[in-house]
């Protein structure tokens, strides 16, 4: 997904399928001249909406311990720190986060750390 302002790309992000219920948010980026304007929150929300339309219920992501702004963004959006997963297992500087995005039929997606 690419976000534009006046035909100029200012941010991008994507997600990949992990399993039938889960996606992983990847490659979130906002041009430095457009940061602190709410663009990253909107981008994350749009990625989650797209994933929900495709019937995914859980969102994972990874960020670095040295990224307090990103950690704040994801926490504010409802993500909770979880155990490192996949290729991030054992990576000391990685912080993995998880969010249940909606309820699916009788399955209420509630996640704990």
N, C-alpha and C. Protein backbone atom coordinates (compact mmCIF):
# COMPACT_ATOMS: atom_id res chain seq x y z
N UNK A 1 0.86 -1.15 0.00
CA UNK A 1 0.00 0.00 0.00
C UNK A 1 0.91 1.23 0.00
N UNK A 2 0.59 2.20 -0.84
CA UNK A 2 1.35 3.44 -0.91
C UNK A 2 0.39 4.60 -0.66
N UNK A 3 0.79 5.52 0.20
CA UNK A 3 -0.01 6.71 0.50
C UNK A 3 0.61 7.91 -0.19
N UNK A 4 -0.25 8.72 -0.81
CA UNK A 4 0.20 9.88 -1.56
C UNK A 4 -0.36 11.16 -0.96
N UNK A 5 0.40 12.24 -1.06
CA UNK A 5 -0.07 13.59 -0.80
C UNK A 5 0.29 14.41 -2.03
N UNK A 6 -0.72 14.97 -2.68
CA UNK A 6 -0.51 15.75 -3.90
C UNK A 6 0.33 14.99 -4.93
N UNK A 7 -0.04 13.74 -5.17
CA UNK A 7 0.62 12.87 -6.15
C UNK A 7 2.06 12.49 -5.79
N UNK A 8 2.48 12.77 -4.56
CA UNK A 8 3.82 12.41 -4.11
C UNK A 8 3.71 11.28 -3.09
N UNK A 9 4.40 10.16 -3.32
CA UNK A 9 4.34 9.07 -2.33
C UNK A 9 5.03 9.50 -1.03
N UNK A 10 4.33 9.33 0.11
CA UNK A 10 4.88 9.74 1.40
C UNK A 10 4.99 8.59 2.40
N UNK A 11 4.31 7.48 2.14
CA UNK A 11 4.41 6.35 3.06
C UNK A 11 4.02 5.06 2.34
N UNK A 12 4.46 3.95 2.94
CA UNK A 12 4.12 2.65 2.37
C UNK A 12 4.14 1.60 3.47
N UNK A 13 3.49 0.50 3.19
CA UNK A 13 3.45 -0.63 4.11
C UNK A 13 2.77 -1.79 3.42
N UNK A 14 2.91 -2.96 3.98
CA UNK A 14 2.26 -4.13 3.39
C UNK A 14 2.05 -5.17 4.49
N UNK A 15 1.44 -6.27 4.13
CA UNK A 15 1.35 -7.41 5.04
C UNK A 15 1.49 -8.68 4.25
N UNK A 16 1.88 -9.74 4.96
CA UNK A 16 1.97 -11.05 4.32
C UNK A 16 1.18 -12.05 5.15
N UNK A 17 0.66 -13.04 4.48
CA UNK A 17 -0.10 -14.10 5.13
C UNK A 17 0.86 -14.99 5.91
N UNK A 18 0.51 -15.24 7.18
CA UNK A 18 1.28 -16.17 8.02
C UNK A 18 0.58 -17.52 8.04
N UNK A 19 -0.74 -17.51 8.27
CA UNK A 19 -1.56 -18.71 8.21
C UNK A 19 -2.99 -18.27 7.89
N UNK A 20 -3.95 -19.17 8.00
CA UNK A 20 -5.33 -18.87 7.59
C UNK A 20 -5.96 -17.72 8.37
N UNK A 21 -5.51 -17.48 9.60
CA UNK A 21 -6.08 -16.44 10.45
C UNK A 21 -5.19 -15.22 10.64
N UNK A 22 -3.92 -15.33 10.26
CA UNK A 22 -2.92 -14.36 10.71
C UNK A 22 -2.16 -13.72 9.56
N UNK A 23 -1.93 -12.40 9.72
CA UNK A 23 -1.05 -11.67 8.81
C UNK A 23 0.09 -11.06 9.63
N UNK A 24 1.16 -10.70 8.93
CA UNK A 24 2.26 -9.96 9.54
C UNK A 24 2.41 -8.63 8.82
N UNK A 25 2.31 -7.54 9.56
CA UNK A 25 2.53 -6.21 9.01
C UNK A 25 4.02 -6.09 8.70
N UNK A 26 4.34 -5.60 7.50
CA UNK A 26 5.74 -5.50 7.07
C UNK A 26 6.00 -4.12 6.47
N UNK A 27 7.23 -3.70 6.57
CA UNK A 27 7.75 -2.57 5.81
C UNK A 27 7.00 -1.25 5.97
N UNK A 28 6.55 -0.96 7.18
CA UNK A 28 5.91 0.34 7.43
C UNK A 28 6.97 1.43 7.31
N UNK A 29 6.67 2.46 6.52
CA UNK A 29 7.63 3.56 6.33
C UNK A 29 6.87 4.84 6.03
N UNK A 30 7.31 5.93 6.66
CA UNK A 30 6.79 7.27 6.35
C UNK A 30 8.00 8.16 6.08
N UNK A 31 7.95 8.90 4.99
CA UNK A 31 9.03 9.83 4.65
C UNK A 31 9.28 10.76 5.85
N UNK A 32 10.54 10.97 6.21
CA UNK A 32 10.84 11.81 7.40
C UNK A 32 10.18 13.19 7.38
N UNK A 33 10.01 13.78 6.21
CA UNK A 33 9.40 15.12 6.15
C UNK A 33 7.90 15.09 6.41
N UNK A 34 7.31 13.89 6.49
CA UNK A 34 5.86 13.77 6.71
C UNK A 34 5.52 13.04 8.01
N UNK A 35 6.51 12.84 8.85
CA UNK A 35 6.27 12.15 10.12
C UNK A 35 5.59 13.08 11.12
N UNK A 36 4.95 12.45 12.12
CA UNK A 36 4.24 13.16 13.21
C UNK A 36 3.03 13.93 12.69
N UNK A 37 2.41 13.39 11.64
CA UNK A 37 1.20 13.99 11.07
C UNK A 37 0.04 13.01 11.06
N UNK A 38 0.21 11.85 11.71
CA UNK A 38 -0.86 10.86 11.76
C UNK A 38 -0.90 9.92 10.57
N UNK A 39 0.06 10.05 9.66
CA UNK A 39 0.06 9.21 8.45
C UNK A 39 0.29 7.75 8.80
N UNK A 40 1.20 7.46 9.71
CA UNK A 40 1.48 6.06 10.05
C UNK A 40 0.27 5.39 10.70
N UNK A 41 -0.46 6.13 11.53
CA UNK A 41 -1.68 5.57 12.14
C UNK A 41 -2.71 5.24 11.08
N UNK A 42 -2.88 6.13 10.14
CA UNK A 42 -3.84 5.92 9.05
C UNK A 42 -3.41 4.74 8.18
N UNK A 43 -2.13 4.67 7.85
CA UNK A 43 -1.62 3.57 7.05
C UNK A 43 -1.85 2.24 7.76
N UNK A 44 -1.52 2.16 9.04
CA UNK A 44 -1.72 0.93 9.80
C UNK A 44 -3.20 0.55 9.82
N UNK A 45 -4.06 1.51 10.04
CA UNK A 45 -5.50 1.27 10.06
C UNK A 45 -5.99 0.73 8.71
N UNK A 46 -5.49 1.30 7.64
CA UNK A 46 -5.89 0.84 6.30
C UNK A 46 -5.39 -0.58 6.02
N UNK A 47 -4.17 -0.88 6.44
CA UNK A 47 -3.66 -2.24 6.27
C UNK A 47 -4.50 -3.24 7.06
N UNK A 48 -4.86 -2.88 8.29
CA UNK A 48 -5.71 -3.76 9.10
C UNK A 48 -7.09 -3.93 8.47
N UNK A 49 -7.66 -2.86 7.95
CA UNK A 49 -8.98 -2.94 7.30
C UNK A 49 -8.92 -3.87 6.10
N UNK A 50 -7.87 -3.76 5.31
CA UNK A 50 -7.69 -4.62 4.15
C UNK A 50 -7.59 -6.08 4.59
N UNK A 51 -6.82 -6.34 5.64
CA UNK A 51 -6.68 -7.71 6.15
C UNK A 51 -8.01 -8.25 6.65
N UNK A 52 -8.79 -7.41 7.33
CA UNK A 52 -10.12 -7.83 7.82
C UNK A 52 -11.03 -8.19 6.65
N UNK A 53 -10.98 -7.39 5.58
CA UNK A 53 -11.80 -7.69 4.39
C UNK A 53 -11.45 -9.06 3.83
N UNK A 54 -10.21 -9.48 4.01
CA UNK A 54 -9.76 -10.79 3.54
C UNK A 54 -9.95 -11.88 4.59
N UNK A 55 -10.66 -11.54 5.68
CA UNK A 55 -11.03 -12.47 6.76
C UNK A 55 -9.87 -12.92 7.64
N UNK A 56 -8.85 -12.11 7.76
CA UNK A 56 -7.80 -12.40 8.73
C UNK A 56 -8.23 -11.85 10.08
N UNK A 57 -7.85 -12.53 11.16
CA UNK A 57 -8.29 -12.15 12.50
C UNK A 57 -7.17 -11.68 13.41
N UNK A 58 -5.94 -12.01 13.08
CA UNK A 58 -4.80 -11.70 13.95
C UNK A 58 -3.72 -11.00 13.14
N UNK A 59 -3.14 -9.98 13.75
CA UNK A 59 -2.04 -9.24 13.12
C UNK A 59 -0.81 -9.32 14.01
N UNK A 60 0.31 -9.68 13.40
CA UNK A 60 1.61 -9.70 14.07
C UNK A 60 2.49 -8.64 13.45
N UNK A 61 3.50 -8.21 14.17
CA UNK A 61 4.51 -7.33 13.59
C UNK A 61 5.76 -7.38 14.44
N UNK A 62 6.85 -6.90 13.87
CA UNK A 62 8.13 -6.82 14.57
C UNK A 62 8.67 -5.42 14.40
N UNK A 63 9.25 -4.89 15.46
CA UNK A 63 9.95 -3.62 15.41
C UNK A 63 11.18 -3.74 16.29
N UNK A 64 12.00 -2.72 16.29
CA UNK A 64 13.23 -2.78 17.07
C UNK A 64 13.10 -2.09 18.42
N UNK A 65 13.88 -2.54 19.38
CA UNK A 65 13.89 -1.91 20.70
C UNK A 65 14.27 -0.44 20.62
N UNK A 66 15.04 -0.07 19.61
CA UNK A 66 15.47 1.31 19.42
C UNK A 66 14.49 2.15 18.63
N UNK A 67 13.23 1.73 18.54
CA UNK A 67 12.20 2.43 17.78
C UNK A 67 11.04 2.83 18.70
N UNK A 68 11.26 3.72 19.66
CA UNK A 68 10.19 4.04 20.61
C UNK A 68 8.95 4.65 19.96
N UNK A 69 9.13 5.39 18.86
CA UNK A 69 7.96 5.97 18.19
C UNK A 69 7.09 4.87 17.59
N UNK A 70 7.73 3.87 16.98
CA UNK A 70 6.98 2.75 16.40
C UNK A 70 6.28 1.95 17.50
N UNK A 71 6.98 1.69 18.59
CA UNK A 71 6.38 0.95 19.70
C UNK A 71 5.16 1.71 20.23
N UNK A 72 5.28 3.02 20.35
CA UNK A 72 4.15 3.84 20.80
C UNK A 72 2.98 3.79 19.84
N UNK A 73 3.27 3.87 18.54
CA UNK A 73 2.22 3.79 17.51
C UNK A 73 1.46 2.48 17.63
N UNK A 74 2.19 1.38 17.69
CA UNK A 74 1.55 0.07 17.72
C UNK A 74 0.79 -0.16 19.03
N UNK A 75 1.35 0.29 20.14
CA UNK A 75 0.66 0.17 21.42
C UNK A 75 -0.65 0.96 21.41
N UNK A 76 -0.60 2.17 20.90
CA UNK A 76 -1.80 3.01 20.81
C UNK A 76 -2.86 2.36 19.91
N UNK A 77 -2.41 1.60 18.91
CA UNK A 77 -3.33 0.93 17.99
C UNK A 77 -3.86 -0.39 18.55
N UNK A 78 -3.44 -0.75 19.77
CA UNK A 78 -3.98 -1.95 20.40
C UNK A 78 -3.09 -3.17 20.37
N UNK A 79 -1.88 -3.04 19.86
CA UNK A 79 -0.95 -4.16 19.83
C UNK A 79 -0.35 -4.37 21.22
N UNK A 80 -0.07 -5.63 21.52
CA UNK A 80 0.55 -6.00 22.78
C UNK A 80 1.84 -6.77 22.49
N UNK A 81 2.84 -6.55 23.33
CA UNK A 81 4.10 -7.27 23.15
C UNK A 81 3.85 -8.76 23.37
N UNK A 82 4.44 -9.56 22.49
CA UNK A 82 4.31 -11.01 22.55
C UNK A 82 5.69 -11.63 22.39
N UNK A 83 5.76 -12.93 22.54
CA UNK A 83 7.04 -13.63 22.35
C UNK A 83 7.50 -13.46 20.91
N UNK A 84 8.82 -13.39 20.73
CA UNK A 84 9.35 -13.32 19.37
C UNK A 84 8.96 -14.59 18.62
N UNK A 85 8.67 -14.43 17.35
CA UNK A 85 8.20 -15.54 16.52
C UNK A 85 9.08 -15.66 15.28
N UNK A 86 8.97 -16.81 14.63
CA UNK A 86 9.64 -17.03 13.35
C UNK A 86 11.12 -16.67 13.38
N UNK A 87 11.53 -15.91 12.38
CA UNK A 87 12.95 -15.54 12.25
C UNK A 87 13.41 -14.57 13.33
N UNK A 88 12.50 -14.06 14.16
CA UNK A 88 12.86 -13.13 15.23
C UNK A 88 13.17 -13.83 16.55
N UNK A 89 12.94 -15.14 16.62
CA UNK A 89 13.25 -15.89 17.84
C UNK A 89 14.75 -15.76 18.12
N UNK A 90 15.06 -15.36 19.34
CA UNK A 90 16.46 -15.23 19.74
C UNK A 90 17.12 -13.92 19.34
N UNK A 91 16.40 -13.05 18.63
CA UNK A 91 16.94 -11.75 18.23
C UNK A 91 16.67 -10.77 19.37
N UNK A 92 17.72 -10.40 20.07
CA UNK A 92 17.59 -9.61 21.29
C UNK A 92 17.02 -8.21 21.05
N UNK A 93 17.31 -7.60 19.92
CA UNK A 93 16.86 -6.23 19.67
C UNK A 93 15.47 -6.14 19.05
N UNK A 94 14.83 -7.28 18.80
CA UNK A 94 13.50 -7.29 18.21
C UNK A 94 12.42 -7.28 19.29
N UNK A 95 11.36 -6.55 19.00
CA UNK A 95 10.14 -6.59 19.82
C UNK A 95 9.02 -7.03 18.89
N UNK A 96 8.36 -8.11 19.24
CA UNK A 96 7.23 -8.60 18.45
C UNK A 96 5.94 -8.23 19.17
N UNK A 97 4.94 -7.89 18.36
CA UNK A 97 3.65 -7.45 18.90
C UNK A 97 2.53 -8.16 18.16
N UNK A 98 1.37 -8.22 18.83
CA UNK A 98 0.24 -9.00 18.31
C UNK A 98 -1.06 -8.27 18.63
N UNK A 99 -2.03 -8.42 17.74
CA UNK A 99 -3.35 -7.80 17.95
C UNK A 99 -4.42 -8.69 17.34
N UNK A 100 -5.50 -8.92 18.11
CA UNK A 100 -6.70 -9.53 17.56
C UNK A 100 -7.52 -8.44 16.92
N UNK A 101 -7.90 -8.62 15.66
CA UNK A 101 -8.53 -7.54 14.91
C UNK A 101 -10.05 -7.54 14.96
N UNK A 102 -10.68 -8.69 15.17
CA UNK A 102 -12.14 -8.73 15.22
C UNK A 102 -12.60 -10.11 15.63
N UNK A 103 -13.90 -10.26 15.87
CA UNK A 103 -14.44 -11.58 16.18
C UNK A 103 -14.97 -12.22 14.90
N UNK A 104 -14.76 -13.51 14.80
CA UNK A 104 -15.16 -14.27 13.62
C UNK A 104 -16.15 -15.34 14.08
N UNK A 105 -17.43 -15.14 13.79
CA UNK A 105 -18.44 -16.10 14.20
C UNK A 105 -18.42 -16.29 15.70
N UNK A 106 -18.28 -17.53 16.14
CA UNK A 106 -18.20 -17.83 17.57
C UNK A 106 -16.80 -17.63 18.14
N UNK A 107 -15.83 -17.38 17.28
CA UNK A 107 -14.46 -17.19 17.73
C UNK A 107 -14.24 -15.73 18.06
N UNK A 108 -14.08 -15.42 19.32
CA UNK A 108 -13.74 -14.07 19.75
C UNK A 108 -12.22 -14.03 19.86
N UNK A 109 -11.61 -13.18 19.09
CA UNK A 109 -10.15 -13.13 19.08
C UNK A 109 -9.69 -12.21 20.19
N UNK A 110 -9.22 -12.80 21.26
CA UNK A 110 -8.63 -12.06 22.38
C UNK A 110 -7.26 -12.64 22.61
N UNK A 111 -6.27 -11.79 22.64
CA UNK A 111 -4.90 -12.27 22.75
C UNK A 111 -4.30 -11.84 24.07
N UNK A 112 -3.50 -12.70 24.62
CA UNK A 112 -2.71 -12.32 25.79
C UNK A 112 -1.25 -12.45 25.40
N UNK A 113 -0.39 -11.85 26.20
CA UNK A 113 1.03 -11.92 25.88
C UNK A 113 1.51 -13.31 26.19
